[in-house]
Amino acid sequence: FVTMERNFRQPKLRPSRPSRVWRKIGALRSPAQTRAAITSISGSSRNWAAKRGLDIGVAATALFLLMPLMLVIAALVWAGDRKAPIFRHTRLGGDGRSFGCLKFRSMVTNGGAVLAAHLAASPRARAEWAATHKLSDDPRITAI
């Protein structure tokens, strides 16, 4: 870490302590328990409802404003190989519950077969894949 000042000193680092909210809700498991803990700290459920409403409003506005860009990306991915540009991926969310996440496709739909054919045809690619499990010119990646 280099600086131009001569008298520069790093500030003393204090051990971080969780805030009052996180100490209170850290061990809770269900959304209802978390909501109740936040409500008891903030003083009313009106604050929680206002925050939740603001979160939903900002997300809906962002979705509305970004929709034209997302449609262009979807059209470009679809134009590449005439297959679905969006796929569902399962993720783990809060409380260990899984949910479906929609994502733009960045690889061909039959990636395993394309990779196997490419590795069978190219000894250099096979050696690169064996060493790093990555390819500098991966044929599975879409043009977009």
N, C-alpha and C. Protein backbone atom coordinates (compact mmCIF):
# COMPACT_ATOMS: atom_id res chain seq x y z
N PHE A 1 0.86 -1.17 0.00
CA PHE A 1 0.00 0.00 0.00
C PHE A 1 0.90 1.22 0.00
N VAL A 2 0.87 2.02 -1.05
CA VAL A 2 1.76 3.16 -1.18
C VAL A 2 0.93 4.44 -1.19
N THR A 3 1.45 5.46 -0.51
CA THR A 3 0.76 6.74 -0.50
C THR A 3 1.78 7.86 -0.66
N MET A 4 1.33 9.00 -1.10
CA MET A 4 2.23 10.13 -1.32
C MET A 4 2.47 10.93 -0.04
N GLU A 5 1.61 10.80 0.94
CA GLU A 5 1.78 11.56 2.16
C GLU A 5 2.82 10.89 3.06
N ARG A 6 3.61 11.72 3.74
CA ARG A 6 4.63 11.18 4.63
C ARG A 6 4.06 10.74 5.97
N ASN A 7 3.07 11.44 6.46
CA ASN A 7 2.57 11.17 7.80
C ASN A 7 1.32 10.29 7.79
N PHE A 8 1.20 9.47 6.82
CA PHE A 8 0.01 8.63 6.71
C PHE A 8 0.11 7.47 7.69
N ARG A 9 -0.95 7.26 8.47
CA ARG A 9 -1.02 6.12 9.37
C ARG A 9 -2.35 5.41 9.17
N GLN A 10 -2.30 4.11 9.25
CA GLN A 10 -3.54 3.34 9.14
C GLN A 10 -4.37 3.56 10.41
N PRO A 11 -5.68 3.72 10.29
CA PRO A 11 -6.50 3.83 11.50
C PRO A 11 -6.51 2.51 12.25
N LYS A 12 -6.67 2.61 13.56
CA LYS A 12 -6.73 1.40 14.36
C LYS A 12 -8.02 0.66 14.04
N LEU A 13 -7.90 -0.62 13.87
CA LEU A 13 -9.08 -1.42 13.57
C LEU A 13 -9.65 -1.97 14.86
N ARG A 14 -10.93 -1.76 15.05
CA ARG A 14 -11.61 -2.31 16.21
C ARG A 14 -12.34 -3.57 15.79
N PRO A 15 -12.46 -4.52 16.67
CA PRO A 15 -13.26 -5.70 16.30
C PRO A 15 -14.69 -5.28 16.04
N SER A 16 -15.24 -5.78 14.97
CA SER A 16 -16.60 -5.38 14.63
C SER A 16 -17.59 -6.12 15.52
N ARG A 17 -18.62 -5.41 15.92
CA ARG A 17 -19.69 -6.01 16.69
C ARG A 17 -20.97 -5.91 15.88
N PRO A 18 -21.79 -6.93 15.93
CA PRO A 18 -23.03 -6.86 15.17
C PRO A 18 -23.93 -5.76 15.73
N SER A 19 -24.68 -5.16 14.86
CA SER A 19 -25.59 -4.11 15.28
C SER A 19 -26.70 -4.70 16.15
N ARG A 20 -27.47 -3.84 16.74
CA ARG A 20 -28.54 -4.27 17.62
C ARG A 20 -29.54 -5.15 16.87
N VAL A 21 -29.83 -4.78 15.63
CA VAL A 21 -30.79 -5.55 14.84
C VAL A 21 -30.26 -6.96 14.60
N TRP A 22 -29.01 -7.08 14.16
CA TRP A 22 -28.48 -8.40 13.81
C TRP A 22 -28.28 -9.26 15.04
N ARG A 23 -27.97 -8.66 16.19
CA ARG A 23 -27.87 -9.46 17.40
C ARG A 23 -29.23 -10.04 17.77
N LYS A 24 -30.27 -9.26 17.53
CA LYS A 24 -31.60 -9.71 17.92
C LYS A 24 -32.17 -10.74 16.94
N ILE A 25 -31.92 -10.57 15.64
CA ILE A 25 -32.53 -11.48 14.66
C ILE A 25 -31.56 -12.51 14.11
N GLY A 26 -30.34 -12.54 14.61
CA GLY A 26 -29.32 -13.44 14.05
C GLY A 26 -29.68 -14.90 14.11
N ALA A 27 -30.35 -15.34 15.16
CA ALA A 27 -30.64 -16.77 15.32
C ALA A 27 -32.03 -17.15 14.84
N LEU A 28 -32.78 -16.22 14.29
CA LEU A 28 -34.15 -16.52 13.87
C LEU A 28 -34.14 -17.26 12.55
N ARG A 29 -35.14 -18.08 12.33
CA ARG A 29 -35.17 -18.90 11.13
C ARG A 29 -36.30 -18.55 10.16
N SER A 30 -37.47 -18.27 10.64
CA SER A 30 -38.60 -18.07 9.72
C SER A 30 -38.77 -16.59 9.39
N PRO A 31 -39.32 -16.27 8.20
CA PRO A 31 -39.57 -14.88 7.86
C PRO A 31 -40.49 -14.19 8.86
N ALA A 32 -41.45 -14.93 9.42
CA ALA A 32 -42.36 -14.31 10.39
C ALA A 32 -41.61 -13.91 11.65
N GLN A 33 -40.67 -14.74 12.11
CA GLN A 33 -39.87 -14.39 13.28
C GLN A 33 -38.98 -13.19 12.98
N THR A 34 -38.39 -13.16 11.79
CA THR A 34 -37.54 -12.04 11.41
C THR A 34 -38.35 -10.76 11.34
N ARG A 35 -39.53 -10.81 10.72
CA ARG A 35 -40.39 -9.64 10.61
C ARG A 35 -40.80 -9.15 12.00
N ALA A 36 -41.12 -10.08 12.90
CA ALA A 36 -41.51 -9.70 14.25
C ALA A 36 -40.36 -9.05 15.00
N ALA A 37 -39.14 -9.58 14.81
CA ALA A 37 -37.98 -8.99 15.48
C ALA A 37 -37.70 -7.59 14.96
N ILE A 38 -37.79 -7.40 13.64
CA ILE A 38 -37.55 -6.09 13.06
C ILE A 38 -38.63 -5.12 13.51
N THR A 39 -39.86 -5.59 13.58
CA THR A 39 -40.96 -4.75 14.03
C THR A 39 -40.75 -4.31 15.48
N SER A 40 -40.28 -5.22 16.33
CA SER A 40 -40.08 -4.85 17.73
C SER A 40 -38.94 -3.86 17.87
N ILE A 41 -37.96 -3.89 16.99
CA ILE A 41 -36.85 -2.94 17.06
C ILE A 41 -37.26 -1.59 16.48
N SER A 42 -37.95 -1.61 15.35
CA SER A 42 -38.30 -0.35 14.69
C SER A 42 -39.49 0.34 15.36
N GLY A 43 -40.27 -0.39 16.11
CA GLY A 43 -41.35 0.25 16.84
C GLY A 43 -42.73 -0.03 16.27
N SER A 44 -42.86 -0.30 15.00
CA SER A 44 -44.18 -0.57 14.45
C SER A 44 -44.06 -1.35 13.16
N SER A 45 -45.15 -2.02 12.83
CA SER A 45 -45.15 -2.76 11.57
C SER A 45 -45.33 -1.82 10.39
N ARG A 46 -45.73 -0.58 10.65
CA ARG A 46 -45.88 0.39 9.57
C ARG A 46 -44.53 0.68 8.92
N ASN A 47 -43.46 0.75 9.73
CA ASN A 47 -42.13 0.98 9.17
C ASN A 47 -41.72 -0.19 8.27
N TRP A 48 -42.00 -1.41 8.74
CA TRP A 48 -41.66 -2.57 7.95
C TRP A 48 -42.45 -2.58 6.65
N ALA A 49 -43.74 -2.27 6.72
CA ALA A 49 -44.58 -2.26 5.53
C ALA A 49 -44.13 -1.17 4.55
N ALA A 50 -43.72 -0.03 5.08
CA ALA A 50 -43.24 1.04 4.20
C ALA A 50 -41.96 0.63 3.51
N LYS A 51 -41.04 -0.02 4.23
CA LYS A 51 -39.79 -0.47 3.62
C LYS A 51 -40.07 -1.53 2.56
N ARG A 52 -40.95 -2.47 2.88
CA ARG A 52 -41.30 -3.51 1.92
C ARG A 52 -41.96 -2.91 0.68
N GLY A 53 -42.85 -1.94 0.87
CA GLY A 53 -43.48 -1.27 -0.26
C GLY A 53 -42.48 -0.53 -1.12
N LEU A 54 -41.51 0.12 -0.47
CA LEU A 54 -40.47 0.83 -1.22
C LEU A 54 -39.62 -0.17 -2.01
N ASP A 55 -39.25 -1.29 -1.38
CA ASP A 55 -38.48 -2.31 -2.08
C ASP A 55 -39.20 -2.81 -3.33
N ILE A 56 -40.48 -3.11 -3.20
CA ILE A 56 -41.26 -3.60 -4.34
C ILE A 56 -41.42 -2.52 -5.40
N GLY A 57 -41.65 -1.29 -4.98
CA GLY A 57 -41.81 -0.19 -5.94
C GLY A 57 -40.54 0.07 -6.74
N VAL A 58 -39.39 0.07 -6.06
CA VAL A 58 -38.11 0.30 -6.76
C VAL A 58 -37.82 -0.86 -7.71
N ALA A 59 -38.08 -2.10 -7.26
CA ALA A 59 -37.83 -3.25 -8.12
C ALA A 59 -38.74 -3.23 -9.35
N ALA A 60 -40.01 -2.89 -9.17
CA ALA A 60 -40.94 -2.83 -10.31
C ALA A 60 -40.55 -1.72 -11.28
N THR A 61 -40.12 -0.58 -10.76
CA THR A 61 -39.68 0.52 -11.62
C THR A 61 -38.44 0.14 -12.41
N ALA A 62 -37.47 -0.50 -11.73
CA ALA A 62 -36.25 -0.93 -12.42
C ALA A 62 -36.57 -1.96 -13.50
N LEU A 63 -37.47 -2.89 -13.19
CA LEU A 63 -37.87 -3.89 -14.17
C LEU A 63 -38.52 -3.23 -15.38
N PHE A 64 -39.39 -2.26 -15.14
CA PHE A 64 -40.06 -1.55 -16.22
C PHE A 64 -39.06 -0.78 -17.08
N LEU A 65 -38.09 -0.11 -16.45
CA LEU A 65 -37.11 0.68 -17.20
C LEU A 65 -36.11 -0.19 -17.96
N LEU A 66 -35.78 -1.35 -17.41
CA LEU A 66 -34.79 -2.22 -18.06
C LEU A 66 -35.41 -3.22 -19.03
N MET A 67 -36.73 -3.27 -19.10
CA MET A 67 -37.40 -4.23 -19.97
C MET A 67 -36.98 -4.10 -21.45
N PRO A 68 -36.87 -2.90 -22.02
CA PRO A 68 -36.43 -2.82 -23.43
C PRO A 68 -35.04 -3.42 -23.64
N LEU A 69 -34.11 -3.17 -22.72
CA LEU A 69 -32.77 -3.74 -22.84
C LEU A 69 -32.82 -5.26 -22.73
N MET A 70 -33.63 -5.76 -21.81
CA MET A 70 -33.74 -7.21 -21.66
C MET A 70 -34.37 -7.86 -22.89
N LEU A 71 -35.32 -7.18 -23.52
CA LEU A 71 -35.93 -7.71 -24.75
C LEU A 71 -34.92 -7.76 -25.89
N VAL A 72 -34.07 -6.74 -25.99
CA VAL A 72 -33.02 -6.73 -27.02
C VAL A 72 -32.04 -7.87 -26.79
N ILE A 73 -31.61 -8.06 -25.55
CA ILE A 73 -30.68 -9.16 -25.24
C ILE A 73 -31.33 -10.50 -25.57
N ALA A 74 -32.59 -10.68 -25.19
CA ALA A 74 -33.29 -11.93 -25.48
C ALA A 74 -33.39 -12.17 -26.98
N ALA A 75 -33.69 -11.13 -27.74
CA ALA A 75 -33.79 -11.27 -29.19
C ALA A 75 -32.45 -11.64 -29.81
N LEU A 76 -31.37 -11.04 -29.33
CA LEU A 76 -30.04 -11.35 -29.86
C LEU A 76 -29.63 -12.78 -29.54
N VAL A 77 -29.90 -13.23 -28.33
CA VAL A 77 -29.57 -14.62 -27.97
C VAL A 77 -30.42 -15.58 -28.78
N TRP A 78 -31.70 -15.28 -28.94
CA TRP A 78 -32.58 -16.14 -29.72
C TRP A 78 -32.17 -16.18 -31.19
N ALA A 79 -31.72 -15.05 -31.74
CA ALA A 79 -31.32 -15.00 -33.15
C ALA A 79 -30.09 -15.86 -33.42
N GLY A 80 -29.28 -16.12 -32.40
CA GLY A 80 -28.08 -16.92 -32.59
C GLY A 80 -28.36 -18.35 -32.98
N ASP A 81 -29.31 -19.00 -32.33
CA ASP A 81 -29.57 -20.40 -32.65
C ASP A 81 -31.05 -20.78 -32.61
N ARG A 82 -31.94 -19.80 -32.51
CA ARG A 82 -33.39 -20.02 -32.54
C ARG A 82 -33.88 -20.92 -31.40
N LYS A 83 -33.22 -20.83 -30.25
CA LYS A 83 -33.65 -21.59 -29.07
C LYS A 83 -33.94 -20.61 -27.94
N ALA A 84 -34.60 -21.10 -26.91
CA ALA A 84 -35.05 -20.23 -25.81
C ALA A 84 -33.90 -19.43 -25.22
N PRO A 85 -34.05 -18.10 -25.13
CA PRO A 85 -32.96 -17.27 -24.60
C PRO A 85 -32.90 -17.22 -23.08
N ILE A 86 -33.94 -17.70 -22.42
CA ILE A 86 -34.00 -17.62 -20.96
C ILE A 86 -34.19 -19.03 -20.41
N PHE A 87 -33.52 -19.34 -19.31
CA PHE A 87 -33.73 -20.63 -18.65
C PHE A 87 -33.87 -20.42 -17.16
N ARG A 88 -34.47 -21.41 -16.52
CA ARG A 88 -34.70 -21.35 -15.07
C ARG A 88 -33.59 -22.13 -14.36
N HIS A 89 -33.02 -21.49 -13.35
CA HIS A 89 -31.97 -22.09 -12.55
C HIS A 89 -32.44 -22.08 -11.10
N THR A 90 -32.28 -23.16 -10.40
CA THR A 90 -32.72 -23.23 -9.01
C THR A 90 -31.63 -22.73 -8.09
N ARG A 91 -31.99 -21.80 -7.20
CA ARG A 91 -31.06 -21.24 -6.22
C ARG A 91 -31.61 -21.45 -4.83
N LEU A 92 -30.74 -21.38 -3.84
CA LEU A 92 -31.17 -21.45 -2.45
C LEU A 92 -31.30 -20.04 -1.91
N GLY A 93 -32.43 -19.76 -1.30
CA GLY A 93 -32.67 -18.44 -0.75
C GLY A 93 -32.64 -18.45 0.76
N GLY A 94 -33.27 -17.45 1.34
CA GLY A 94 -33.35 -17.35 2.78
C GLY A 94 -34.03 -18.55 3.39
N ASP A 95 -33.59 -18.92 4.56
CA ASP A 95 -34.13 -20.06 5.28
C ASP A 95 -33.93 -21.38 4.55
N GLY A 96 -33.00 -21.44 3.60
CA GLY A 96 -32.72 -22.68 2.89
C GLY A 96 -33.76 -23.10 1.88
N ARG A 97 -34.70 -22.21 1.57
CA ARG A 97 -35.73 -22.54 0.58
C ARG A 97 -35.19 -22.32 -0.82
N SER A 98 -35.54 -23.19 -1.74
CA SER A 98 -35.09 -23.03 -3.13
C SER A 98 -36.13 -22.23 -3.91
N PHE A 99 -35.65 -21.49 -4.90
CA PHE A 99 -36.53 -20.72 -5.76
C PHE A 99 -35.98 -20.73 -7.17
N GLY A 100 -36.85 -20.51 -8.14
CA GLY A 100 -36.44 -20.48 -9.53
C GLY A 100 -35.93 -19.11 -9.92
N CYS A 101 -34.76 -19.07 -10.51
CA CYS A 101 -34.14 -17.82 -10.94
C CYS A 101 -34.08 -17.84 -12.47
N LEU A 102 -34.63 -16.85 -13.12
CA LEU A 102 -34.59 -16.78 -14.58
C LEU A 102 -33.30 -16.08 -15.01
N LYS A 103 -32.61 -16.71 -15.95
CA LYS A 103 -31.31 -16.18 -16.41
C LYS A 103 -31.27 -16.19 -17.93
N PHE A 104 -30.50 -15.26 -18.50
CA PHE A 104 -30.25 -15.29 -19.94
C PHE A 104 -29.25 -16.40 -20.22
N ARG A 105 -29.48 -17.12 -21.29
CA ARG A 105 -28.60 -18.23 -21.65
C ARG A 105 -27.35 -17.67 -22.31
N SER A 106 -26.17 -18.11 -21.83
CA SER A 106 -24.92 -17.66 -22.42
C SER A 106 -24.16 -18.81 -23.07
N MET A 107 -24.72 -20.01 -23.01
CA MET A 107 -24.11 -21.19 -23.64
C MET A 107 -25.15 -21.89 -24.51
N VAL A 108 -24.65 -22.72 -25.41
CA VAL A 108 -25.55 -23.50 -26.26
C VAL A 108 -26.32 -24.49 -25.39
N THR A 109 -27.46 -24.93 -25.87
CA THR A 109 -28.32 -25.80 -25.05
C THR A 109 -27.75 -27.21 -24.89
N ASN A 110 -27.01 -27.70 -25.85
CA ASN A 110 -26.41 -29.04 -25.77
C ASN A 110 -24.91 -28.91 -25.49
N GLY A 111 -24.56 -28.22 -24.43
CA GLY A 111 -23.17 -27.90 -24.11
C GLY A 111 -22.30 -29.12 -23.88
N GLY A 112 -22.84 -30.15 -23.24
CA GLY A 112 -22.05 -31.35 -22.97
C GLY A 112 -21.60 -32.04 -24.25
N ALA A 113 -22.50 -32.17 -25.19
CA ALA A 113 -22.16 -32.82 -26.46
C ALA A 113 -21.18 -31.97 -27.27
N VAL A 114 -21.37 -30.67 -27.28
CA VAL A 114 -20.46 -29.78 -28.01
C VAL A 114 -19.07 -29.84 -27.41
N LEU A 115 -18.98 -29.85 -26.07
CA LEU A 115 -17.67 -29.92 -25.41
C LEU A 115 -16.98 -31.24 -25.71
N ALA A 116 -17.72 -32.35 -25.63
CA ALA A 116 -17.13 -33.67 -25.90
C ALA A 116 -16.59 -33.76 -27.32
N ALA A 117 -17.35 -33.25 -28.28
CA ALA A 117 -16.90 -33.28 -29.68
C ALA A 117 -15.67 -32.41 -29.87
N HIS A 118 -15.64 -31.25 -29.23
CA HIS A 118 -14.50 -30.34 -29.36
C HIS A 118 -13.25 -30.95 -28.73
N LEU A 119 -13.39 -31.57 -27.56
CA LEU A 119 -12.23 -32.18 -26.90
C LEU A 119 -11.73 -33.39 -27.67
N ALA A 120 -12.64 -34.14 -28.31
CA ALA A 120 -12.23 -35.29 -29.11
C ALA A 120 -11.48 -34.86 -30.37
N ALA A 121 -11.83 -33.69 -30.91
CA ALA A 121 -11.22 -33.24 -32.17
C ALA A 121 -9.93 -32.46 -31.97
N SER A 122 -9.71 -31.90 -30.79
CA SER A 122 -8.56 -31.02 -30.59
C SER A 122 -7.71 -31.48 -29.40
N PRO A 123 -6.50 -31.99 -29.66
CA PRO A 123 -5.63 -32.41 -28.56
C PRO A 123 -5.18 -31.22 -27.69
N ARG A 124 -4.99 -30.06 -28.29
CA ARG A 124 -4.59 -28.89 -27.53
C ARG A 124 -5.69 -28.48 -26.55
N ALA A 125 -6.93 -28.51 -27.02
CA ALA A 125 -8.05 -28.16 -26.14
C ALA A 125 -8.21 -29.22 -25.05
N ARG A 126 -7.98 -30.50 -25.39
CA ARG A 126 -8.09 -31.56 -24.40
C ARG A 126 -7.04 -31.38 -23.30
N ALA A 127 -5.81 -30.99 -23.66
CA ALA A 127 -4.76 -30.75 -22.67
C ALA A 127 -5.08 -29.53 -21.81
N GLU A 128 -5.60 -28.49 -22.43
CA GLU A 128 -5.98 -27.29 -21.68
C GLU A 128 -7.12 -27.60 -20.71
N TRP A 129 -8.09 -28.39 -21.15
CA TRP A 129 -9.22 -28.75 -20.29
C TRP A 129 -8.75 -29.63 -19.12
N ALA A 130 -7.82 -30.55 -19.39
CA ALA A 130 -7.31 -31.44 -18.34
C ALA A 130 -6.55 -30.64 -17.28
N ALA A 131 -5.86 -29.59 -17.71
CA ALA A 131 -5.05 -28.79 -16.77
C ALA A 131 -5.88 -27.81 -15.96
N THR A 132 -6.85 -27.16 -16.60
CA THR A 132 -7.53 -26.05 -15.91
C THR A 132 -9.06 -26.16 -15.87
N HIS A 133 -9.64 -27.10 -16.58
CA HIS A 133 -11.11 -27.19 -16.75
C HIS A 133 -11.68 -25.90 -17.31
N LYS A 134 -10.90 -25.21 -18.12
CA LYS A 134 -11.34 -24.01 -18.83
C LYS A 134 -10.76 -24.07 -20.23
N LEU A 135 -11.44 -23.39 -21.16
CA LEU A 135 -10.96 -23.33 -22.54
C LEU A 135 -10.87 -21.87 -22.97
N SER A 136 -9.77 -21.51 -23.60
CA SER A 136 -9.63 -20.13 -24.07
C SER A 136 -10.57 -19.84 -25.23
N ASP A 137 -10.87 -20.85 -26.05
CA ASP A 137 -11.84 -20.69 -27.14
C ASP A 137 -12.95 -21.73 -26.98
N ASP A 138 -13.78 -21.53 -25.98
CA ASP A 138 -14.84 -22.47 -25.64
C ASP A 138 -15.94 -22.42 -26.68
N PRO A 139 -16.23 -23.54 -27.36
CA PRO A 139 -17.27 -23.53 -28.40
C PRO A 139 -18.69 -23.51 -27.84
N ARG A 140 -18.86 -23.69 -26.54
CA ARG A 140 -20.20 -23.71 -25.94
C ARG A 140 -20.77 -22.32 -25.73
N ILE A 141 -19.93 -21.31 -25.72
CA ILE A 141 -20.36 -19.93 -25.44
C ILE A 141 -21.11 -19.38 -26.65
N THR A 142 -22.24 -18.71 -26.40
CA THR A 142 -22.99 -18.09 -27.49
C THR A 142 -22.25 -16.84 -27.98
N ALA A 143 -22.66 -16.35 -29.13
CA ALA A 143 -21.99 -15.20 -29.73
C ALA A 143 -22.23 -13.92 -28.92
N ILE A 144 -23.31 -13.86 -28.20
CA ILE A 144 -23.64 -12.64 -27.43
C ILE A 144 -22.98 -12.67 -26.10
